[in-house]
N, C-alpha and C. Protein backbone atom coordinates (compact mmCIF):
# COMPACT_ATOMS: atom_id res chain seq x y z
N MET A 1 -55.46 -89.14 -10.86
CA MET A 1 -56.02 -90.02 -9.85
C MET A 1 -55.00 -90.24 -8.75
N ARG A 2 -55.49 -90.43 -7.54
CA ARG A 2 -54.58 -90.77 -6.45
C ARG A 2 -55.24 -91.80 -5.57
N GLU A 3 -54.43 -92.54 -4.89
CA GLU A 3 -54.95 -93.60 -4.03
C GLU A 3 -54.91 -93.15 -2.58
N VAL A 4 -55.95 -93.50 -1.84
CA VAL A 4 -56.00 -93.22 -0.41
C VAL A 4 -55.99 -94.56 0.29
N HIS A 5 -55.03 -94.78 1.18
CA HIS A 5 -54.91 -96.05 1.89
C HIS A 5 -55.50 -95.92 3.28
N ARG A 6 -56.41 -96.81 3.61
CA ARG A 6 -56.95 -96.88 4.96
C ARG A 6 -56.86 -98.34 5.38
N SER A 7 -56.11 -98.56 6.36
CA SER A 7 -55.82 -99.92 6.84
C SER A 7 -55.58 -100.86 5.68
N ASP A 8 -56.53 -101.72 5.36
CA ASP A 8 -56.30 -102.69 4.30
C ASP A 8 -57.10 -102.41 3.04
N GLU A 9 -57.81 -101.26 3.00
CA GLU A 9 -58.58 -100.98 1.79
C GLU A 9 -57.91 -99.87 0.98
N VAL A 10 -58.10 -99.91 -0.30
CA VAL A 10 -57.56 -98.90 -1.21
C VAL A 10 -58.73 -98.29 -1.94
N LYS A 11 -58.79 -96.95 -1.93
CA LYS A 11 -59.86 -96.25 -2.63
C LYS A 11 -59.22 -95.29 -3.62
N VAL A 12 -59.71 -95.26 -4.83
CA VAL A 12 -59.20 -94.36 -5.85
C VAL A 12 -60.14 -93.17 -5.94
N ILE A 13 -59.56 -91.99 -5.82
CA ILE A 13 -60.35 -90.76 -5.89
C ILE A 13 -60.01 -90.07 -7.21
N SER A 14 -61.02 -89.81 -8.02
CA SER A 14 -60.77 -89.11 -9.28
C SER A 14 -60.56 -87.63 -8.99
N GLU A 15 -59.93 -86.93 -9.93
CA GLU A 15 -59.68 -85.50 -9.75
C GLU A 15 -60.97 -84.72 -9.58
N SER A 16 -62.05 -85.14 -10.23
CA SER A 16 -63.30 -84.40 -10.12
C SER A 16 -63.90 -84.53 -8.73
N GLU A 17 -63.59 -85.62 -8.03
CA GLU A 17 -64.08 -85.81 -6.67
C GLU A 17 -63.21 -85.10 -5.64
N HIS A 18 -61.99 -84.85 -6.00
CA HIS A 18 -61.03 -84.26 -5.07
C HIS A 18 -61.35 -82.77 -4.89
N GLU A 19 -61.68 -82.35 -3.64
CA GLU A 19 -62.13 -80.99 -3.37
C GLU A 19 -61.14 -79.92 -3.81
N SER A 20 -59.88 -80.08 -3.45
CA SER A 20 -58.92 -79.01 -3.70
C SER A 20 -58.71 -78.77 -5.18
N SER A 21 -58.86 -79.77 -6.02
CA SER A 21 -58.66 -79.55 -7.45
C SER A 21 -59.79 -78.72 -8.05
N SER A 22 -60.99 -78.85 -7.50
CA SER A 22 -62.10 -78.06 -8.04
C SER A 22 -62.12 -76.66 -7.44
N ASP A 23 -61.54 -76.49 -6.25
CA ASP A 23 -61.53 -75.18 -5.60
C ASP A 23 -60.51 -74.23 -6.22
N PHE A 24 -59.39 -74.76 -6.68
CA PHE A 24 -58.31 -73.95 -7.19
C PHE A 24 -57.88 -74.46 -8.55
N GLU A 25 -58.38 -73.84 -9.57
CA GLU A 25 -57.97 -74.21 -10.93
C GLU A 25 -56.73 -73.42 -11.29
N GLU A 26 -55.64 -74.11 -11.57
CA GLU A 26 -54.41 -73.44 -11.96
C GLU A 26 -54.27 -73.46 -13.46
N ASP A 27 -53.87 -72.33 -14.00
CA ASP A 27 -53.63 -72.23 -15.43
C ASP A 27 -52.21 -72.72 -15.67
N GLU A 28 -52.09 -73.82 -16.38
CA GLU A 28 -50.79 -74.45 -16.61
C GLU A 28 -50.07 -73.89 -17.84
N ARG A 29 -50.73 -73.01 -18.59
CA ARG A 29 -50.10 -72.45 -19.78
C ARG A 29 -48.94 -71.55 -19.42
N PRO A 30 -47.93 -71.45 -20.29
CA PRO A 30 -46.80 -70.55 -20.00
C PRO A 30 -47.29 -69.10 -19.93
N LYS A 31 -46.65 -68.34 -19.08
CA LYS A 31 -46.99 -66.92 -18.93
C LYS A 31 -45.77 -66.12 -19.38
N PHE A 32 -45.96 -65.26 -20.35
CA PHE A 32 -44.88 -64.50 -20.93
C PHE A 32 -44.72 -63.16 -20.22
N PHE A 33 -43.48 -62.65 -20.17
CA PHE A 33 -43.20 -61.37 -19.53
C PHE A 33 -43.55 -60.23 -20.47
N SER A 34 -44.30 -59.25 -19.95
CA SER A 34 -44.56 -58.01 -20.69
C SER A 34 -43.38 -57.06 -20.44
N GLN A 35 -43.36 -55.94 -21.16
CA GLN A 35 -42.30 -54.95 -20.95
C GLN A 35 -42.32 -54.45 -19.51
N GLU A 36 -43.51 -54.17 -19.01
CA GLU A 36 -43.63 -53.66 -17.64
C GLU A 36 -43.13 -54.68 -16.62
N GLU A 37 -43.48 -55.95 -16.82
CA GLU A 37 -43.02 -56.99 -15.89
C GLU A 37 -41.51 -57.17 -15.95
N MET A 38 -40.95 -57.07 -17.16
CA MET A 38 -39.50 -57.19 -17.31
C MET A 38 -38.80 -56.02 -16.60
N ASN A 39 -39.32 -54.83 -16.79
CA ASN A 39 -38.75 -53.64 -16.13
C ASN A 39 -38.83 -53.78 -14.61
N ASP A 40 -40.00 -54.23 -14.12
CA ASP A 40 -40.18 -54.39 -12.67
C ASP A 40 -39.23 -55.44 -12.11
N LEU A 41 -39.04 -56.53 -12.84
CA LEU A 41 -38.15 -57.59 -12.37
C LEU A 41 -36.72 -57.08 -12.26
N VAL A 42 -36.26 -56.37 -13.27
CA VAL A 42 -34.90 -55.82 -13.25
C VAL A 42 -34.75 -54.84 -12.08
N ARG A 43 -35.76 -54.00 -11.88
CA ARG A 43 -35.71 -53.04 -10.77
C ARG A 43 -35.76 -53.76 -9.42
N ASP A 44 -36.68 -54.72 -9.27
CA ASP A 44 -36.82 -55.43 -8.00
C ASP A 44 -35.57 -56.21 -7.63
N LEU A 45 -34.88 -56.74 -8.64
CA LEU A 45 -33.64 -57.47 -8.39
C LEU A 45 -32.43 -56.55 -8.29
N ASN A 46 -32.67 -55.25 -8.54
CA ASN A 46 -31.61 -54.23 -8.47
C ASN A 46 -30.43 -54.62 -9.36
N LEU A 47 -30.74 -55.02 -10.59
CA LEU A 47 -29.71 -55.49 -11.50
C LEU A 47 -29.02 -54.33 -12.21
N PRO A 48 -27.70 -54.34 -12.25
CA PRO A 48 -26.97 -53.38 -13.09
C PRO A 48 -27.17 -53.73 -14.57
N LYS A 49 -26.64 -52.90 -15.46
CA LYS A 49 -26.86 -53.05 -16.90
C LYS A 49 -26.50 -54.43 -17.44
N ASP A 50 -25.28 -54.88 -17.21
CA ASP A 50 -24.84 -56.14 -17.82
C ASP A 50 -25.68 -57.35 -17.39
N PRO A 51 -25.92 -57.54 -16.09
CA PRO A 51 -26.78 -58.66 -15.70
C PRO A 51 -28.22 -58.52 -16.21
N ALA A 52 -28.73 -57.29 -16.30
CA ALA A 52 -30.09 -57.08 -16.83
C ALA A 52 -30.15 -57.50 -18.29
N GLU A 53 -29.14 -57.15 -19.06
CA GLU A 53 -29.10 -57.54 -20.47
C GLU A 53 -28.94 -59.05 -20.61
N PHE A 54 -28.14 -59.64 -19.75
CA PHE A 54 -27.95 -61.08 -19.78
C PHE A 54 -29.27 -61.80 -19.48
N LEU A 55 -29.98 -61.33 -18.46
CA LEU A 55 -31.28 -61.91 -18.12
C LEU A 55 -32.26 -61.77 -19.28
N GLY A 56 -32.31 -60.59 -19.88
CA GLY A 56 -33.20 -60.37 -21.02
C GLY A 56 -32.85 -61.27 -22.18
N SER A 57 -31.57 -61.46 -22.43
CA SER A 57 -31.13 -62.33 -23.51
C SER A 57 -31.54 -63.78 -23.26
N ARG A 58 -31.37 -64.23 -22.03
CA ARG A 58 -31.78 -65.60 -21.68
C ARG A 58 -33.29 -65.77 -21.82
N PHE A 59 -34.05 -64.78 -21.35
CA PHE A 59 -35.51 -64.85 -21.48
C PHE A 59 -35.92 -64.90 -22.94
N LYS A 60 -35.24 -64.11 -23.77
CA LYS A 60 -35.56 -64.11 -25.20
C LYS A 60 -35.25 -65.46 -25.82
N ASN A 61 -34.11 -66.04 -25.47
CA ASN A 61 -33.74 -67.36 -25.99
C ASN A 61 -34.70 -68.46 -25.56
N LYS A 62 -35.28 -68.32 -24.38
CA LYS A 62 -36.24 -69.31 -23.87
C LYS A 62 -37.67 -69.00 -24.30
N ASN A 63 -37.84 -67.94 -25.09
CA ASN A 63 -39.16 -67.54 -25.60
C ASN A 63 -40.18 -67.30 -24.49
N VAL A 64 -39.77 -66.56 -23.47
CA VAL A 64 -40.70 -66.23 -22.39
C VAL A 64 -41.04 -64.73 -22.36
N LEU A 65 -40.67 -64.01 -23.43
CA LEU A 65 -41.00 -62.59 -23.53
C LEU A 65 -42.11 -62.41 -24.56
N LEU A 66 -43.04 -61.52 -24.27
CA LEU A 66 -44.07 -61.19 -25.25
C LEU A 66 -43.41 -60.51 -26.45
N PRO A 67 -44.02 -60.62 -27.62
CA PRO A 67 -43.45 -59.93 -28.79
C PRO A 67 -43.30 -58.44 -28.52
N GLY A 68 -42.18 -57.89 -28.94
CA GLY A 68 -41.94 -56.46 -28.78
C GLY A 68 -41.26 -56.06 -27.49
N VAL A 69 -41.08 -57.01 -26.55
CA VAL A 69 -40.41 -56.67 -25.30
C VAL A 69 -38.93 -56.46 -25.57
N SER A 70 -38.42 -55.32 -25.09
CA SER A 70 -37.04 -54.96 -25.33
C SER A 70 -36.29 -54.95 -24.02
N PHE A 71 -35.07 -55.37 -24.06
CA PHE A 71 -34.23 -55.29 -22.86
C PHE A 71 -32.95 -54.53 -23.14
N SER A 72 -32.72 -54.15 -24.39
CA SER A 72 -31.48 -53.44 -24.73
C SER A 72 -31.48 -52.01 -24.21
N TRP A 73 -32.64 -51.45 -23.86
CA TRP A 73 -32.68 -50.08 -23.35
C TRP A 73 -31.94 -49.95 -22.03
N PHE A 74 -31.69 -51.08 -21.33
CA PHE A 74 -30.97 -51.03 -20.07
C PHE A 74 -29.55 -50.49 -20.27
N ARG A 75 -29.02 -50.62 -21.49
CA ARG A 75 -27.67 -50.14 -21.79
C ARG A 75 -27.55 -48.64 -21.58
N HIS A 76 -28.66 -47.92 -21.80
CA HIS A 76 -28.61 -46.46 -21.78
C HIS A 76 -29.58 -45.85 -20.77
N ARG A 77 -29.98 -46.61 -19.79
CA ARG A 77 -31.01 -46.12 -18.87
C ARG A 77 -30.55 -44.96 -18.01
N GLU A 78 -29.25 -44.74 -17.88
CA GLU A 78 -28.76 -43.64 -17.05
C GLU A 78 -28.74 -42.31 -17.79
N LYS A 79 -28.91 -42.33 -19.12
CA LYS A 79 -28.77 -41.10 -19.92
C LYS A 79 -29.71 -39.98 -19.48
N GLU A 80 -30.91 -40.34 -19.07
CA GLU A 80 -31.86 -39.29 -18.68
C GLU A 80 -31.45 -38.58 -17.39
N PHE A 81 -30.52 -39.17 -16.61
CA PHE A 81 -30.10 -38.58 -15.36
C PHE A 81 -28.76 -37.85 -15.45
N VAL A 82 -28.02 -38.07 -16.51
CA VAL A 82 -26.69 -37.46 -16.68
C VAL A 82 -26.72 -35.94 -16.57
N PRO A 83 -27.72 -35.27 -17.15
CA PRO A 83 -27.71 -33.79 -17.06
C PRO A 83 -27.79 -33.24 -15.63
N TYR A 84 -28.19 -34.06 -14.68
CA TYR A 84 -28.32 -33.59 -13.31
C TYR A 84 -27.02 -33.70 -12.51
N PHE A 85 -25.96 -34.21 -13.14
CA PHE A 85 -24.70 -34.45 -12.44
C PHE A 85 -23.53 -33.81 -13.18
N ALA A 86 -22.48 -33.57 -12.42
CA ALA A 86 -21.22 -33.07 -12.97
C ALA A 86 -20.09 -33.89 -12.36
N GLN A 87 -18.95 -33.87 -13.04
CA GLN A 87 -17.80 -34.60 -12.54
C GLN A 87 -16.55 -33.73 -12.62
N GLU A 88 -15.79 -33.73 -11.56
CA GLU A 88 -14.49 -33.07 -11.50
C GLU A 88 -13.51 -34.11 -10.97
N ASP A 89 -12.62 -34.53 -11.82
CA ASP A 89 -11.67 -35.59 -11.49
C ASP A 89 -12.46 -36.84 -11.05
N LEU A 90 -12.25 -37.28 -9.81
CA LEU A 90 -12.95 -38.48 -9.33
C LEU A 90 -14.24 -38.16 -8.58
N LEU A 91 -14.54 -36.88 -8.43
CA LEU A 91 -15.73 -36.45 -7.69
C LEU A 91 -16.91 -36.27 -8.63
N VAL A 92 -18.02 -36.93 -8.33
CA VAL A 92 -19.27 -36.77 -9.07
C VAL A 92 -20.30 -36.20 -8.11
N TYR A 93 -21.02 -35.15 -8.54
CA TYR A 93 -21.99 -34.54 -7.65
C TYR A 93 -23.21 -34.07 -8.45
N CYS A 94 -24.32 -33.92 -7.72
CA CYS A 94 -25.58 -33.49 -8.33
C CYS A 94 -25.58 -31.97 -8.43
N VAL A 95 -25.89 -31.47 -9.63
CA VAL A 95 -25.92 -30.02 -9.85
C VAL A 95 -27.35 -29.49 -9.91
N ASP A 96 -28.34 -30.37 -9.94
CA ASP A 96 -29.75 -29.96 -10.03
C ASP A 96 -30.61 -30.94 -9.23
N VAL A 97 -30.57 -30.80 -7.91
CA VAL A 97 -31.31 -31.71 -7.03
C VAL A 97 -32.81 -31.61 -7.28
N GLU A 98 -33.31 -30.39 -7.45
CA GLU A 98 -34.74 -30.20 -7.68
C GLU A 98 -35.18 -30.90 -8.97
N GLY A 99 -34.42 -30.76 -10.03
CA GLY A 99 -34.74 -31.42 -11.29
C GLY A 99 -34.68 -32.93 -11.18
N LEU A 100 -33.68 -33.44 -10.47
CA LEU A 100 -33.54 -34.88 -10.28
C LEU A 100 -34.73 -35.43 -9.49
N MET A 101 -35.11 -34.75 -8.43
CA MET A 101 -36.26 -35.20 -7.64
C MET A 101 -37.54 -35.15 -8.48
N GLY A 102 -37.64 -34.16 -9.36
CA GLY A 102 -38.79 -34.07 -10.26
C GLY A 102 -38.88 -35.27 -11.20
N GLN A 103 -37.73 -35.79 -11.64
CA GLN A 103 -37.71 -36.99 -12.49
C GLN A 103 -38.37 -38.17 -11.79
N PHE A 104 -38.20 -38.24 -10.47
CA PHE A 104 -38.78 -39.32 -9.68
C PHE A 104 -40.14 -38.96 -9.09
N LYS A 105 -40.64 -37.78 -9.47
CA LYS A 105 -41.93 -37.28 -8.96
C LYS A 105 -41.95 -37.21 -7.44
N ILE A 106 -40.82 -36.74 -6.88
CA ILE A 106 -40.70 -36.57 -5.43
C ILE A 106 -40.67 -35.07 -5.16
N PRO A 107 -41.59 -34.58 -4.32
CA PRO A 107 -41.58 -33.15 -4.00
C PRO A 107 -40.25 -32.78 -3.32
N TYR A 108 -39.73 -31.61 -3.70
CA TYR A 108 -38.44 -31.18 -3.13
C TYR A 108 -38.57 -29.74 -2.64
N ASP A 109 -38.17 -29.54 -1.40
CA ASP A 109 -38.17 -28.22 -0.79
C ASP A 109 -36.72 -27.81 -0.57
N SER A 110 -36.23 -26.85 -1.36
CA SER A 110 -34.83 -26.46 -1.30
C SER A 110 -34.47 -25.71 0.00
N SER A 111 -35.45 -25.34 0.80
CA SER A 111 -35.16 -24.61 2.04
C SER A 111 -34.66 -25.54 3.15
N HIS A 112 -34.69 -26.83 2.92
CA HIS A 112 -34.22 -27.76 3.96
C HIS A 112 -32.79 -28.11 3.76
């Protein structure tokens, strides 16, 4: 309930009479993160491994993850890309640009 003051009169408006409350019903229940949402959040925030794991750990402690959601895979997320690179001393370079682009489903034309 809320009160509306007009000069010297006070009128109480119930929630059912209040237009905006009937127009927009908000679900007040907690919403848990799915695996896809967790992955998207880490990607959107551009988090490196350690902060991503920290965030996942905090979410797990606060019980805001759906059952089965994993965040430990962030520790090894680069493994699928390692075969596309080589290292000589301090220099790291891509040895298979076409294969790497294929991982991201990006068409690659080697003639450019």
